[in-house]
Amino acid sequence: MGTFGCPSSFAARNALPIPASHLSMSDGKLAGKVALVTGSSSGIGQGIAIRMAKDGADVVVNYSGHIEGAQETQSQIQALGRKAIIVHADVSKVADCQAVVQAGWDQLGKVDILVNNAGVEKGSEFVDVTEADYDLVLDINLKGPFFTTQAFVKHLLDAKLPGRVLNISSVHEDMVFPHFASYCASKGGIRMLMRDLAVELGPKNITVNNIAPGAIITPINKSLLDDKAKLDPLLANIPLGRMGTVDDVAALACFLASDDAAYVTGSTYFVDGGLIRNYHEQ
């Protein structure tokens, strides 16, 4: 789901602009870090990968279907002066979960940040859900983050390093979505996985949090902006009155992955313009 985000910035009055040549990604809040973002060939995952590179991280770019999108992500990251490798992996397969983490360690020296972003939704009447439909959604949305995180944590423990785990969940970990029962179940599972791992891994200095986007503009649903019959009822339920942007999500991801959030773990953070709060108040 998604609306228009307008990130803004300002400079102090009379301040002189900093020449671009003087700017360095090493000055970013993620300088010296390596991030693995699953499903980073498009949409939210692509936005997070690029934003983390802007903040100084090198990135493992993952895709399962379309390499062209992964190559675009890599190109934008490299244009920022950061390293980016592309790794094909289907997170529904445990061996691939392990391989994508291993690739980060082999080619970039370590992985400090894991963003479990890869996901899928498949809707139908509950009575029509097939075993194959169910397995597809649960394997990618829950099994994938489970075993990718496991591989990530094993490496951190062996190296005695701290780490950050971010799961890109959904407002539907807490909000019903009729005709998408398996999707909601997968996101509810991610919520409890996050809570459990935050407690278990906290003593190892590994934080675990969820980011739950609401209505976010991505290439998949951009046409919604031109469909007034569907857009107006959606916006009527969002207190901020707009859909969010990928960068709205990416900005929070970078904060939670940074040292600024070292004492933040075990919670879900909704990026939804107030949609979930409005839902609970009705």
C-alpha atoms as a PDB file:
ATOM      1  CA  MET A   1       0.000   0.000   0.000  1.00  0.00           C
ATOM      2  CA  GLY A   2       1.328   3.637  -0.257  1.00  0.00           C
ATOM      3  CA  THR A   3       1.351   8.417  -0.914  1.00  0.00           C
ATOM      4  CA  PHE A   4       3.379  11.398  -1.748  1.00  0.00           C
ATOM      5  CA  GLY A   5       6.268  11.940   0.637  1.00  0.00           C
ATOM      6  CA  CYS A   6       8.108  15.205   0.414  1.00  0.00           C
ATOM      7  CA  PRO A   7      11.324  14.874   2.425  1.00  0.00           C
ATOM      8  CA  SER A   8      12.600  18.333   3.146  1.00  0.00           C
ATOM      9  CA  SER A   9      15.815  19.875   4.341  1.00  0.00           C
ATOM     10  CA  PHE A  10      16.998  23.348   5.226  1.00  0.00           C
ATOM     11  CA  ALA A  11      20.223  25.208   5.690  1.00  0.00           C
ATOM     12  CA  ALA A  12      20.994  27.801   8.294  1.00  0.00           C
ATOM     13  CA  ARG A  13      20.412  31.344   7.093  1.00  0.00           C
ATOM     14  CA  ASN A  14      23.499  32.778   5.369  1.00  0.00           C
ATOM     15  CA  ALA A  15      25.327  29.410   5.527  1.00  0.00           C
ATOM     16  CA  LEU A  16      27.650  28.731   2.620  1.00  0.00           C
ATOM     17  CA  PRO A  17      26.886  25.638   0.490  1.00  0.00           C
ATOM     18  CA  ILE A  18      29.296  22.742   0.783  1.00  0.00           C
ATOM     19  CA  PRO A  19      30.928  21.887  -2.564  1.00  0.00           C
ATOM     20  CA  ALA A  20      29.963  18.430  -3.800  1.00  0.00           C
ATOM     21  CA  SER A  21      33.643  17.546  -4.034  1.00  0.00           C
ATOM     22  CA  HIS A  22      33.929  18.023  -0.274  1.00  0.00           C
ATOM     23  CA  LEU A  23      31.122  15.607   0.524  1.00  0.00           C
ATOM     24  CA  SER A  24      32.077  12.035   1.411  1.00  0.00           C
ATOM     25  CA  MET A  25      29.954   8.987   2.029  1.00  0.00           C
ATOM     26  CA  SER A  26      32.388   8.179   4.834  1.00  0.00           C
ATOM     27  CA  ASP A  27      30.685  10.993   6.744  1.00  0.00           C
ATOM     28  CA  GLY A  28      27.343   9.140   6.739  1.00  0.00           C
ATOM     29  CA  LYS A  29      25.704   7.496   9.727  1.00  0.00           C
ATOM     30  CA  LEU A  30      26.330   4.055   8.185  1.00  0.00           C
ATOM     31  CA  ALA A  31      29.963   4.659   7.245  1.00  0.00           C
ATOM     32  CA  GLY A  32      32.021   1.485   7.455  1.00  0.00           C
ATOM     33  CA  LYS A  33      28.940  -0.752   7.488  1.00  0.00           C
ATOM     34  CA  VAL A  34      27.832  -3.420   5.033  1.00  0.00           C
ATOM     35  CA  ALA A  35      24.108  -3.934   4.474  1.00  0.00           C
ATOM     36  CA  LEU A  36      22.318  -6.875   2.888  1.00  0.00           C
ATOM     37  CA  VAL A  37      18.886  -5.947   1.537  1.00  0.00           C
ATOM     38  CA  THR A  38      16.838  -8.850   0.202  1.00  0.00           C
ATOM     39  CA  GLY A  39      14.567  -8.080  -2.710  1.00  0.00           C
ATOM     40  CA  SER A  40      16.453  -4.885  -3.525  1.00  0.00           C
ATOM     41  CA  SER A  41      15.896  -4.835  -7.283  1.00  0.00           C
ATOM     42  CA  SER A  42      12.815  -2.601  -7.069  1.00  0.00           C
ATOM     43  CA  GLY A  43      10.408  -0.746  -4.828  1.00  0.00           C
ATOM     44  CA  ILE A  44      11.030  -0.392  -1.119  1.00  0.00           C
ATOM     45  CA  GLY A  45      14.044  -2.708  -1.116  1.00  0.00           C
ATOM     46  CA  GLN A  46      15.747  -0.760  -3.873  1.00  0.00           C
ATOM     47  CA  GLY A  47      15.044   2.507  -2.072  1.00  0.00           C
ATOM     48  CA  ILE A  48      16.488   1.223   1.200  1.00  0.00           C
ATOM     49  CA  ALA A  49      19.617  -0.116  -0.496  1.00  0.00           C
ATOM     50  CA  ILE A  50      20.322   3.190  -2.224  1.00  0.00           C
ATOM     51  CA  ARG A  51      19.515   5.279   0.860  1.00  0.00           C
ATOM     52  CA  MET A  52      21.875   3.165   2.972  1.00  0.00           C
ATOM     53  CA  ALA A  53      24.604   3.718   0.393  1.00  0.00           C
ATOM     54  CA  LYS A  54      23.961   7.460   0.603  1.00  0.00           C
ATOM     55  CA  ASP A  55      24.507   7.124   4.344  1.00  0.00           C
ATOM     56  CA  GLY A  56      27.855   5.414   3.778  1.00  0.00           C
ATOM     57  CA  ALA A  57      27.169   1.664   3.618  1.00  0.00           C
ATOM     58  CA  ASP A  58      28.358  -0.851   1.067  1.00  0.00           C
ATOM     59  CA  VAL A  59      25.492  -3.065  -0.052  1.00  0.00           C
ATOM     60  CA  VAL A  60      24.681  -6.632  -1.019  1.00  0.00           C
ATOM     61  CA  VAL A  61      21.954  -6.261  -3.652  1.00  0.00           C
ATOM     62  CA  ASN A  62      19.684  -9.292  -3.897  1.00  0.00           C
ATOM     63  CA  TYR A  63      17.186 -10.311  -6.550  1.00  0.00           C
ATOM     64  CA  SER A  64      15.318 -13.462  -7.459  1.00  0.00           C
ATOM     65  CA  GLY A  65      13.621 -12.599 -10.741  1.00  0.00           C
ATOM     66  CA  HIS A  66      14.799  -9.581 -12.712  1.00  0.00           C
ATOM     67  CA  ILE A  67      18.504  -8.861 -12.815  1.00  0.00           C
ATOM     68  CA  GLU A  68      17.941  -5.568 -14.659  1.00  0.00           C
ATOM     69  CA  GLY A  69      16.480  -3.982 -11.542  1.00  0.00           C
ATOM     70  CA  ALA A  70      19.354  -5.278  -9.427  1.00  0.00           C
ATOM     71  CA  GLN A  71      21.825  -3.845 -11.924  1.00  0.00           C
ATOM     72  CA  GLU A  72      20.103  -0.458 -11.694  1.00  0.00           C
ATOM     73  CA  THR A  73      20.343  -0.568  -7.904  1.00  0.00           C
ATOM     74  CA  GLN A  74      24.014  -1.487  -8.126  1.00  0.00           C
ATOM     75  CA  SER A  75      24.688   1.296 -10.628  1.00  0.00           C
ATOM     76  CA  GLN A  76      23.111   3.951  -8.414  1.00  0.00           C
ATOM     77  CA  ILE A  77      25.050   2.734  -5.379  1.00  0.00           C
ATOM     78  CA  GLN A  78      28.343   2.716  -7.244  1.00  0.00           C
ATOM     79  CA  ALA A  79      27.630   6.245  -8.507  1.00  0.00           C
ATOM     80  CA  LEU A  80      27.617   7.274  -4.845  1.00  0.00           C
ATOM     81  CA  GLY A  81      31.116   5.906  -4.425  1.00  0.00           C
ATOM     82  CA  ARG A  82      30.057   2.826  -2.497  1.00  0.00           C
ATOM     83  CA  LYS A  83      30.596  -0.858  -3.240  1.00  0.00           C
ATOM     84  CA  ALA A  84      27.691  -3.024  -4.345  1.00  0.00           C
ATOM     85  CA  ILE A  85      27.573  -6.683  -5.294  1.00  0.00           C
ATOM     86  CA  ILE A  86      24.634  -8.483  -6.869  1.00  0.00           C
ATOM     87  CA  VAL A  87      23.611 -11.884  -5.544  1.00  0.00           C
ATOM     88  CA  HIS A  88      20.816 -14.002  -6.973  1.00  0.00           C
ATOM     89  CA  ALA A  89      18.950 -15.795  -4.193  1.00  0.00           C
ATOM     90  CA  ASP A  90      15.453 -17.163  -3.680  1.00  0.00           C
ATOM     91  CA  VAL A  91      14.838 -16.658   0.033  1.00  0.00           C
ATOM     92  CA  SER A  92      12.216 -19.407   0.070  1.00  0.00           C
ATOM     93  CA  LYS A  93      15.173 -21.817  -0.120  1.00  0.00           C
ATOM     94  CA  VAL A  94      17.336 -22.203   2.980  1.00  0.00           C
ATOM     95  CA  ALA A  95      20.481 -22.833   0.941  1.00  0.00           C
ATOM     96  CA  ASP A  96      19.955 -19.523  -0.870  1.00  0.00           C
ATOM     97  CA  CYS A  97      19.402 -17.694   2.424  1.00  0.00           C
ATOM     98  CA  GLN A  98      22.754 -18.968   3.604  1.00  0.00           C
ATOM     99  CA  ALA A  99      24.478 -18.268   0.293  1.00  0.00           C
ATOM    100  CA  VAL A 100      23.458 -14.607   0.051  1.00  0.00           C
ATOM    101  CA  VAL A 101      24.840 -13.908   3.532  1.00  0.00           C
ATOM    102  CA  GLN A 102      28.024 -15.839   2.758  1.00  0.00           C
ATOM    103  CA  ALA A 103      28.513 -13.799  -0.419  1.00  0.00           C
ATOM    104  CA  GLY A 104      28.514 -10.605   1.606  1.00  0.00           C
ATOM    105  CA  TRP A 105      31.216 -11.920   3.904  1.00  0.00           C
ATOM    106  CA  ASP A 106      33.268 -13.347   1.043  1.00  0.00           C
ATOM    107  CA  GLN A 107      33.143 -10.275  -1.206  1.00  0.00           C
ATOM    108  CA  LEU A 108      32.666  -7.331   1.168  1.00  0.00           C
ATOM    109  CA  GLY A 109      34.334  -8.680   4.297  1.00  0.00           C
ATOM    110  CA  LYS A 110      31.305  -8.714   6.593  1.00  0.00           C
ATOM    111  CA  VAL A 111      27.593  -7.964   6.856  1.00  0.00           C
ATOM    112  CA  ASP A 112      26.532  -5.653   9.704  1.00  0.00           C
ATOM    113  CA  ILE A 113      22.952  -4.923   8.688  1.00  0.00           C
ATOM    114  CA  LEU A 114      20.282  -7.304   7.408  1.00  0.00           C
ATOM    115  CA  VAL A 115      17.101  -5.946   5.863  1.00  0.00           C
ATOM    116  CA  ASN A 116      14.587  -8.740   5.262  1.00  0.00           C
ATOM    117  CA  ASN A 117      12.572  -7.011   2.565  1.00  0.00           C
ATOM    118  CA  ALA A 118      11.753  -9.684  -0.030  1.00  0.00           C
ATOM    119  CA  GLY A 119       8.067 -10.471   0.085  1.00  0.00           C
ATOM    120  CA  VAL A 120       5.007 -11.493  -1.859  1.00  0.00           C
ATOM    121  CA  GLU A 121       1.251 -11.270  -1.459  1.00  0.00           C
ATOM    122  CA  LYS A 122      -1.320 -13.453  -3.145  1.00  0.00           C
ATOM    123  CA  GLY A 123      -5.008 -12.876  -2.605  1.00  0.00           C
ATOM    124  CA  SER A 124      -8.104 -15.024  -2.991  1.00  0.00           C
ATOM    125  CA  GLU A 125     -11.155 -16.166  -1.103  1.00  0.00           C
ATOM    126  CA  PHE A 126     -10.034 -18.142   1.952  1.00  0.00           C
ATOM    127  CA  VAL A 127     -11.796 -21.302   0.755  1.00  0.00           C
ATOM    128  CA  ASP A 128      -9.905 -21.111  -2.542  1.00  0.00           C
ATOM    129  CA  VAL A 129      -6.369 -20.875  -1.117  1.00  0.00           C
ATOM    130  CA  THR A 130      -4.295 -23.797  -2.355  1.00  0.00           C
ATOM    131  CA  GLU A 131      -1.389 -25.430  -0.594  1.00  0.00           C
ATOM    132  CA  ALA A 132       0.906 -24.042  -3.292  1.00  0.00           C
ATOM    133  CA  ASP A 133      -0.424 -20.510  -2.747  1.00  0.00           C
ATOM    134  CA  TYR A 134       0.028 -20.816   1.004  1.00  0.00           C
ATOM    135  CA  ASP A 135       3.537 -22.255   0.716  1.00  0.00           C
ATOM    136  CA  LEU A 136       4.622 -19.515  -1.691  1.00  0.00           C
ATOM    137  CA  VAL A 137       3.597 -16.713   0.666  1.00  0.00           C
ATOM    138  CA  LEU A 138       4.792 -18.271   3.913  1.00  0.00           C
ATOM    139  CA  ASP A 139       8.064 -19.527   2.444  1.00  0.00           C
ATOM    140  CA  ILE A 140       9.075 -16.104   1.119  1.00  0.00           C
ATOM    141  CA  ASN A 141       7.566 -13.890   3.827  1.00  0.00           C
ATOM    142  CA  LEU A 142       8.359 -15.907   6.955  1.00  0.00           C
ATOM    143  CA  LYS A 143      10.660 -18.835   6.237  1.00  0.00           C
ATOM    144  CA  GLY A 144      12.983 -16.573   4.235  1.00  0.00           C
ATOM    145  CA  PRO A 145      13.533 -13.968   6.972  1.00  0.00           C
ATOM    146  CA  PHE A 146      13.843 -16.741   9.570  1.00  0.00           C
ATOM    147  CA  PHE A 147      16.701 -18.557   7.865  1.00  0.00           C
ATOM    148  CA  THR A 148      18.397 -15.492   6.374  1.00  0.00           C
ATOM    149  CA  THR A 149      18.506 -14.011   9.861  1.00  0.00           C
ATOM    150  CA  GLN A 150      19.828 -17.291  11.237  1.00  0.00           C
ATOM    151  CA  ALA A 151      22.712 -17.292   8.748  1.00  0.00           C
ATOM    152  CA  PHE A 152      23.377 -13.603   9.419  1.00  0.00           C
ATOM    153  CA  VAL A 153      23.480 -14.093  13.181  1.00  0.00           C
ATOM    154  CA  LYS A 154      25.769 -17.135  12.998  1.00  0.00           C
ATOM    155  CA  HIS A 155      28.390 -15.059  11.191  1.00  0.00           C
ATOM    156  CA  LEU A 156      28.086 -12.211  13.690  1.00  0.00           C
ATOM    157  CA  LEU A 157      28.469 -14.538  16.657  1.00  0.00           C
ATOM    158  CA  ASP A 158      31.518 -16.199  15.127  1.00  0.00           C
ATOM    159  CA  ALA A 159      33.101 -12.791  14.506  1.00  0.00           C
ATOM    160  CA  LYS A 160      31.883 -11.365  17.836  1.00  0.00           C
ATOM    161  CA  LEU A 161      30.299  -8.384  16.081  1.00  0.00           C
ATOM    162  CA  PRO A 162      27.108  -6.429  16.856  1.00  0.00           C
ATOM    163  CA  GLY A 163      24.372  -6.262  14.240  1.00  0.00           C
ATOM    164  CA  ARG A 164      21.041  -4.903  13.115  1.00  0.00           C
ATOM    165  CA  VAL A 165      18.092  -6.901  11.783  1.00  0.00           C
ATOM    166  CA  LEU A 166      15.233  -5.028  10.122  1.00  0.00           C
ATOM    167  CA  ASN A 167      12.171  -6.846   8.840  1.00  0.00           C
ATOM    168  CA  ILE A 168       9.986  -5.019   6.338  1.00  0.00           C
ATOM    169  CA  SER A 169       6.629  -6.144   7.612  1.00  0.00           C
ATOM    170  CA  SER A 170       3.277  -4.466   6.904  1.00  0.00           C
ATOM    171  CA  VAL A 171       0.403  -2.758   8.655  1.00  0.00           C
ATOM    172  CA  HIS A 172      -1.212  -6.145   8.108  1.00  0.00           C
ATOM    173  CA  GLU A 173       0.822  -7.682  10.904  1.00  0.00           C
ATOM    174  CA  ASP A 174      -1.793  -5.884  13.023  1.00  0.00           C
ATOM    175  CA  MET A 175      -4.637  -4.992  10.646  1.00  0.00           C
ATOM    176  CA  VAL A 176      -6.994  -7.391   8.892  1.00  0.00           C
ATOM    177  CA  PHE A 177      -6.841  -7.731   5.110  1.00  0.00           C
ATOM    178  CA  PRO A 178      -9.769  -9.873   3.885  1.00  0.00           C
ATOM    179  CA  HIS A 179      -8.898 -12.300   1.080  1.00  0.00           C
ATOM    180  CA  PHE A 180      -5.209 -12.206   2.057  1.00  0.00           C
ATOM    181  CA  ALA A 181      -5.257 -14.593   5.017  1.00  0.00           C
ATOM    182  CA  SER A 182      -1.911 -16.240   4.273  1.00  0.00           C
ATOM    183  CA  TYR A 183      -0.246 -12.845   3.815  1.00  0.00           C
ATOM    184  CA  CYS A 184      -1.584 -11.591   7.140  1.00  0.00           C
ATOM    185  CA  ALA A 185      -0.493 -14.816   8.821  1.00  0.00           C
ATOM    186  CA  SER A 186       3.024 -14.391   7.437  1.00  0.00           C
ATOM    187  CA  LYS A 187       3.269 -10.818   8.700  1.00  0.00           C
ATOM    188  CA  GLY A 188       1.856 -11.775  12.086  1.00  0.00           C
ATOM    189  CA  GLY A 189       4.544 -14.437  12.223  1.00  0.00           C
ATOM    190  CA  ILE A 190       7.220 -11.853  11.445  1.00  0.00           C
ATOM    191  CA  ARG A 191       5.972  -9.739  14.345  1.00  0.00           C
ATOM    192  CA  MET A 192       6.421 -12.574  16.829  1.00  0.00           C
ATOM    193  CA  LEU A 193       9.739 -13.653  15.295  1.00  0.00           C
ATOM    194  CA  MET A 194      11.025 -10.100  15.766  1.00  0.00           C
ATOM    195  CA  ARG A 195       9.893  -9.955  19.376  1.00  0.00           C
ATOM    196  CA  ASP A 196      11.398 -13.310  20.244  1.00  0.00           C
ATOM    197  CA  LEU A 197      14.736 -12.634  18.557  1.00  0.00           C
ATOM    198  CA  ALA A 198      15.026  -9.179  20.110  1.00  0.00           C
ATOM    199  CA  VAL A 199      15.027 -10.827  23.538  1.00  0.00           C
ATOM    200  CA  GLU A 200      17.218 -13.778  22.585  1.00  0.00           C
ATOM    201  CA  LEU A 201      19.797 -11.765  20.643  1.00  0.00           C
ATOM    202  CA  GLY A 202      19.846  -8.630  22.770  1.00  0.00           C
ATOM    203  CA  PRO A 203      22.619  -9.948  25.044  1.00  0.00           C
ATOM    204  CA  LYS A 204      24.711 -10.424  21.880  1.00  0.00           C
ATOM    205  CA  ASN A 205      24.249  -6.740  20.950  1.00  0.00           C
ATOM    206  CA  ILE A 206      22.092  -7.608  17.955  1.00  0.00           C
ATOM    207  CA  THR A 207      18.950  -5.507  17.643  1.00  0.00           C
ATOM    208  CA  VAL A 208      15.818  -6.666  15.825  1.00  0.00           C
ATOM    209  CA  ASN A 209      12.975  -4.398  14.722  1.00  0.00           C
ATOM    210  CA  ASN A 210      10.125  -4.348  12.224  1.00  0.00           C
ATOM    211  CA  ILE A 211       9.153  -1.572   9.845  1.00  0.00           C
ATOM    212  CA  ALA A 212       5.497  -1.797   8.849  1.00  0.00           C
ATOM    213  CA  PRO A 213       4.677   0.268   5.756  1.00  0.00           C
ATOM    214  CA  GLY A 214       1.149   1.297   4.959  1.00  0.00           C
ATOM    215  CA  ALA A 215       0.151   2.755   1.605  1.00  0.00           C
ATOM    216  CA  ILE A 216       3.464   3.383  -0.164  1.00  0.00           C
ATOM    217  CA  ILE A 217       3.917   4.453  -3.786  1.00  0.00           C
ATOM    218  CA  THR A 218       5.948   1.856  -5.672  1.00  0.00           C
ATOM    219  CA  PRO A 219       6.141   0.962  -9.377  1.00  0.00           C
ATOM    220  CA  ILE A 220       3.622  -1.821  -8.777  1.00  0.00           C
ATOM    221  CA  ASN A 221       0.838   0.415  -7.457  1.00  0.00           C
ATOM    222  CA  LYS A 222       1.719   3.810  -8.955  1.00  0.00           C
ATOM    223  CA  SER A 223      -1.339   3.610 -11.227  1.00  0.00           C
ATOM    224  CA  LEU A 224      -3.481   3.935  -8.107  1.00  0.00           C
ATOM    225  CA  LEU A 225      -2.650   7.648  -8.079  1.00  0.00           C
ATOM    226  CA  ASP A 226      -4.702   8.074 -11.257  1.00  0.00           C
ATOM    227  CA  ASP A 227      -7.655   6.011 -10.014  1.00  0.00           C
ATOM    228  CA  LYS A 228      -9.702   8.486  -7.997  1.00  0.00           C
ATOM    229  CA  ALA A 229     -12.382   5.915  -7.177  1.00  0.00           C
ATOM    230  CA  LYS A 230      -9.822   3.798  -5.317  1.00  0.00           C
ATOM    231  CA  LEU A 231      -7.476   6.523  -4.128  1.00  0.00           C
ATOM    232  CA  ASP A 232      -9.983   8.799  -2.389  1.00  0.00           C
ATOM    233  CA  PRO A 233     -11.368   6.152   0.027  1.00  0.00           C
ATOM    234  CA  LEU A 234      -7.810   5.107   0.870  1.00  0.00           C
ATOM    235  CA  LEU A 235      -6.660   8.652   1.605  1.00  0.00           C
ATOM    236  CA  ALA A 236      -9.782   9.273   3.687  1.00  0.00           C
ATOM    237  CA  ASN A 237      -8.478   6.682   6.164  1.00  0.00           C
ATOM    238  CA  ILE A 238      -4.959   8.138   6.363  1.00  0.00           C
ATOM    239  CA  PRO A 239      -4.753  11.051   8.830  1.00  0.00           C
ATOM    240  CA  LEU A 240      -1.846  12.639   6.933  1.00  0.00           C
ATOM    241  CA  GLY A 241      -3.975  12.537   3.796  1.00  0.00           C
ATOM    242  CA  ARG A 242      -1.403  11.101   1.419  1.00  0.00           C
ATOM    243  CA  MET A 243       0.349   7.920   0.419  1.00  0.00           C
ATOM    244  CA  GLY A 244       3.939   7.467   1.533  1.00  0.00           C
ATOM    245  CA  THR A 245       7.083   7.318  -0.547  1.00  0.00           C
ATOM    246  CA  VAL A 246       9.785   4.693  -0.606  1.00  0.00           C
ATOM    247  CA  ASP A 247      12.115   7.247   0.951  1.00  0.00           C
ATOM    248  CA  ASP A 248       9.755   7.621   3.922  1.00  0.00           C
ATOM    249  CA  VAL A 249      10.446   3.960   4.651  1.00  0.00           C
ATOM    250  CA  ALA A 250      14.141   4.097   3.774  1.00  0.00           C
ATOM    251  CA  ALA A 251      14.789   7.036   6.098  1.00  0.00           C
ATOM    252  CA  LEU A 252      13.486   5.070   9.077  1.00  0.00           C
ATOM    253  CA  ALA A 253      15.437   1.983   8.019  1.00  0.00           C
ATOM    254  CA  CYS A 254      18.672   3.968   7.998  1.00  0.00           C
ATOM    255  CA  PHE A 255      17.979   5.352  11.457  1.00  0.00           C
ATOM    256  CA  LEU A 256      17.229   1.917  12.915  1.00  0.00           C
ATOM    257  CA  ALA A 257      20.360   0.505  11.277  1.00  0.00           C
ATOM    258  CA  SER A 258      22.575   3.250  12.674  1.00  0.00           C
ATOM    259  CA  ASP A 259      24.371   3.729  15.977  1.00  0.00           C
ATOM    260  CA  ASP A 260      21.719   6.332  16.830  1.00  0.00           C
ATOM    261  CA  ALA A 261      19.320   3.410  17.384  1.00  0.00           C
ATOM    262  CA  ALA A 262      21.704   1.272  19.447  1.00  0.00           C
ATOM    263  CA  TYR A 263      19.182   1.103  22.322  1.00  0.00           C
ATOM    264  CA  VAL A 264      16.160   0.395  20.109  1.00  0.00           C
ATOM    265  CA  THR A 265      14.993  -3.201  19.754  1.00  0.00           C
ATOM    266  CA  GLY A 266      11.913  -5.393  19.863  1.00  0.00           C
ATOM    267  CA  SER A 267       9.375  -3.040  18.283  1.00  0.00           C
ATOM    268  CA  THR A 268       7.371  -2.463  15.137  1.00  0.00           C
ATOM    269  CA  TYR A 269       7.491   1.024  13.628  1.00  0.00           C
ATOM    270  CA  PHE A 270       4.562   1.921  11.385  1.00  0.00           C
ATOM    271  CA  VAL A 271       5.237   4.120   8.352  1.00  0.00           C
ATOM    272  CA  ASP A 272       1.634   4.652   7.367  1.00  0.00           C
ATOM    273  CA  GLY A 273       0.597   8.274   7.848  1.00  0.00           C
ATOM    274  CA  GLY A 274      -1.476   7.270  10.875  1.00  0.00           C
ATOM    275  CA  LEU A 275      -3.515   4.589   9.084  1.00  0.00           C
ATOM    276  CA  ILE A 276      -3.087   1.940  11.774  1.00  0.00           C
ATOM    277  CA  ARG A 277      -3.938   4.343  14.590  1.00  0.00           C
ATOM    278  CA  ASN A 278      -7.049   5.508  12.764  1.00  0.00           C
ATOM    279  CA  TYR A 279      -8.005   1.857  12.195  1.00  0.00           C
ATOM    280  CA  HIS A 280      -7.749   1.048  15.903  1.00  0.00           C
ATOM    281  CA  GLU A 281      -9.729   4.128  16.915  1.00  0.00           C
ATOM    282  CA  GLN A 282     -12.686   3.261  14.689  1.00  0.00           C
END
